[in-house]
Protein backbone atom coordinates (compact mmCIF):
# COMPACT_ATOMS: atom_id res chain seq x y z
CA MET A 1 -42.39 16.14 -29.90
CA ASN A 2 -45.49 15.18 -27.97
CA LYS A 3 -46.36 16.49 -24.53
CA ILE A 4 -45.35 13.28 -22.68
CA ALA A 5 -41.91 13.16 -24.30
CA LEU A 6 -41.33 16.84 -23.61
CA THR A 7 -42.32 16.35 -19.96
CA ALA A 8 -39.97 13.37 -19.65
CA VAL A 9 -37.04 15.32 -21.12
CA ALA A 10 -37.75 18.25 -18.79
CA ALA A 11 -37.90 15.89 -15.79
CA VAL A 12 -34.55 14.29 -16.68
CA ILE A 13 -32.89 17.70 -17.02
CA LEU A 14 -34.40 18.89 -13.76
CA ILE A 15 -33.40 15.74 -11.86
CA SER A 16 -29.87 15.86 -13.29
CA GLY A 17 -29.46 19.43 -12.12
CA PHE A 18 -30.67 18.63 -8.60
CA GLN A 19 -28.52 15.50 -8.42
CA GLN A 20 -25.36 17.52 -9.09
CA PHE A 21 -26.36 20.08 -6.48
CA ALA A 22 -27.37 17.48 -3.91
CA THR A 23 -24.14 15.46 -4.15
CA ALA A 24 -21.73 18.40 -4.24
CA HIS A 25 -21.08 18.40 -0.49
CA CYS A 26 -18.10 16.03 -0.73
CA GLU A 27 -15.68 14.67 -3.31
CA VAL A 28 -16.20 10.98 -2.64
CA PRO A 29 -19.26 9.00 -1.63
CA CYS A 30 -19.79 9.51 2.08
CA GLY A 31 -19.02 6.67 4.40
CA ILE A 32 -16.95 4.58 2.01
CA TYR A 33 -13.42 5.54 3.02
CA GLY A 34 -12.05 5.18 6.53
CA ASP A 35 -9.82 7.75 8.17
CA GLN A 36 -7.56 5.11 9.74
CA LEU A 37 -6.89 3.60 6.32
CA ARG A 38 -5.73 7.01 5.05
CA PHE A 39 -3.24 7.33 7.94
CA GLU A 40 -1.92 3.82 7.35
CA ALA A 41 -1.49 4.56 3.62
CA MET A 42 0.39 7.78 4.37
CA LEU A 43 2.74 5.92 6.74
CA GLU A 44 3.29 3.27 4.06
CA ASP A 45 4.09 6.02 1.55
CA GLN A 46 6.49 7.57 4.08
CA SER A 47 8.28 4.23 4.45
CA THR A 48 8.65 4.07 0.67
CA VAL A 49 10.06 7.61 0.62
CA ASN A 50 12.55 6.63 3.31
CA LYS A 51 13.62 3.49 1.42
CA ALA A 52 13.92 5.44 -1.83
CA MET A 53 16.21 7.97 -0.15
CA ALA A 54 18.50 5.18 1.05
CA GLN A 55 18.56 3.56 -2.39
CA ILE A 56 19.29 6.89 -4.11
CA THR A 57 22.19 7.55 -1.75
CA SER A 58 23.60 4.07 -2.33
CA LEU A 59 23.21 4.14 -6.11
CA ALA A 60 24.69 7.63 -6.43
CA ALA A 61 28.11 6.21 -5.53
CA ASN A 62 28.09 4.08 -8.71
CA SER A 63 28.75 5.41 -12.17
CA ASP A 64 27.43 2.59 -14.32
CA ALA A 65 24.38 2.90 -16.55
CA GLN A 66 22.32 0.34 -14.65
CA SER A 67 22.82 2.23 -11.38
CA ALA A 68 21.90 5.50 -13.10
CA ASN A 69 18.73 3.88 -14.41
CA GLN A 70 17.78 2.51 -10.99
CA LEU A 71 18.61 5.84 -9.36
CA ALA A 72 16.21 7.65 -11.70
CA ARG A 73 13.49 5.13 -10.91
CA TRP A 74 13.97 5.58 -7.16
CA VAL A 75 13.81 9.36 -7.53
CA ALA A 76 10.52 9.01 -9.40
CA THR A 77 9.21 6.64 -6.72
CA LYS A 78 10.18 9.03 -3.94
CA GLU A 79 8.44 11.91 -5.70
CA ALA A 80 5.30 9.88 -6.37
CA HIS A 81 4.88 8.70 -2.79
CA ALA A 82 5.54 12.13 -1.30
CA THR A 83 2.97 13.55 -3.70
CA LYS A 84 0.45 10.86 -2.69
CA ILE A 85 0.79 12.01 0.92
CA GLN A 86 0.22 15.63 -0.09
CA GLU A 87 -2.82 14.66 -2.14
CA THR A 88 -4.30 12.63 0.71
CA ILE A 89 -3.96 15.58 3.06
CA ALA A 90 -5.41 18.04 0.54
CA GLN A 91 -8.12 16.03 -1.14
CA TYR A 92 -9.28 13.82 1.68
CA PHE A 93 -8.62 15.63 4.93
CA MET A 94 -8.62 19.32 4.05
CA HIS A 95 -11.39 19.20 1.47
CA GLN A 96 -13.70 16.88 3.35
CA ARG A 97 -12.79 15.91 6.88
CA ILE A 98 -11.33 18.92 8.71
CA LYS A 99 -14.35 21.08 9.52
CA PRO A 100 -14.22 24.78 10.52
CA LYS A 101 -16.82 24.18 13.25
CA ASN A 102 -14.55 21.70 15.03
CA PRO A 103 -12.92 23.26 18.14
CA LYS A 104 -9.60 21.67 17.09
CA TYR A 105 -9.83 23.14 13.58
CA VAL A 106 -6.72 25.33 13.79
CA ALA A 107 -4.62 22.59 15.41
CA GLN A 108 -5.74 20.05 12.81
CA LEU A 109 -5.13 22.46 9.94
CA THR A 110 -1.69 23.38 11.28
CA SER A 111 -0.64 19.75 11.70
CA ALA A 112 -2.02 18.83 8.26
CA HIS A 113 0.04 21.64 6.77
CA ALA A 114 3.12 20.36 8.59
CA VAL A 115 2.66 16.98 6.84
CA MET A 116 2.46 18.68 3.46
CA LEU A 117 5.60 20.70 4.15
CA ALA A 118 7.51 17.64 5.36
CA ALA A 119 6.51 15.76 2.22
CA MET A 120 7.72 18.69 0.12
CA ASN A 121 11.08 18.62 1.92
CA CYS A 122 11.36 14.91 1.15
CA LYS A 123 10.83 15.63 -2.54
CA GLN A 124 13.64 18.19 -2.49
CA THR A 125 16.28 16.14 -0.66
CA VAL A 126 17.58 12.67 0.09
CA ASN A 127 18.19 13.48 3.74
CA ALA A 128 16.86 10.66 5.94
CA GLU A 129 16.12 13.21 8.67
CA ASN A 130 13.42 14.67 6.43
CA ALA A 131 11.81 11.26 6.04
CA ALA A 132 11.82 10.88 9.84
CA LYS A 133 10.25 14.34 10.19
CA LEU A 134 7.56 13.29 7.72
CA GLU A 135 6.74 10.23 9.81
CA THR A 136 6.58 12.36 12.96
CA ALA A 137 4.36 14.92 11.22
CA ILE A 138 1.92 12.22 10.06
CA LYS A 139 1.71 10.76 13.56
CA GLU A 140 1.23 14.22 15.10
CA PHE A 141 -1.53 14.98 12.62
CA HIS A 142 -3.16 11.67 13.52
CA LYS A 143 -3.13 12.69 17.20
CA GLN A 144 -4.60 16.11 16.43
CA TYR A 145 -7.20 14.62 14.12
CA GLU A 146 -8.30 11.82 16.42
CA GLY A 147 -8.11 14.01 19.52
CA LYS A 148 -6.08 11.42 21.45
């Protein structure tokens, strides 16, 4: 290999190493995602969880195969949307947006954790009160996060 090719290979390796290090400060490209959109998506997921709970309760009274099939699908939907909320809190807010230097750090962290716990309770039950608590927790986290 000639000197120019060797230098080019070394430069590519060096640049690749620095690029990984330089972009490691967040999980997604900075400035692309909006916080408000994340809150709206979590509230939409909460509405889906709430609807799924009502459908599960209604379908559980039936014993036919079609109702059993639909019930299973609603359970899966409820689980998926509760999990999406937990992932948004963990991967977007806790990993990237809630900063230890913020004076409201503990309050934001506590309210974010409350959302995750409420979502977990929704996965475990079909109690509509838990869905309402999830909505309240998301709104409280929004207040703590926005400082309003």
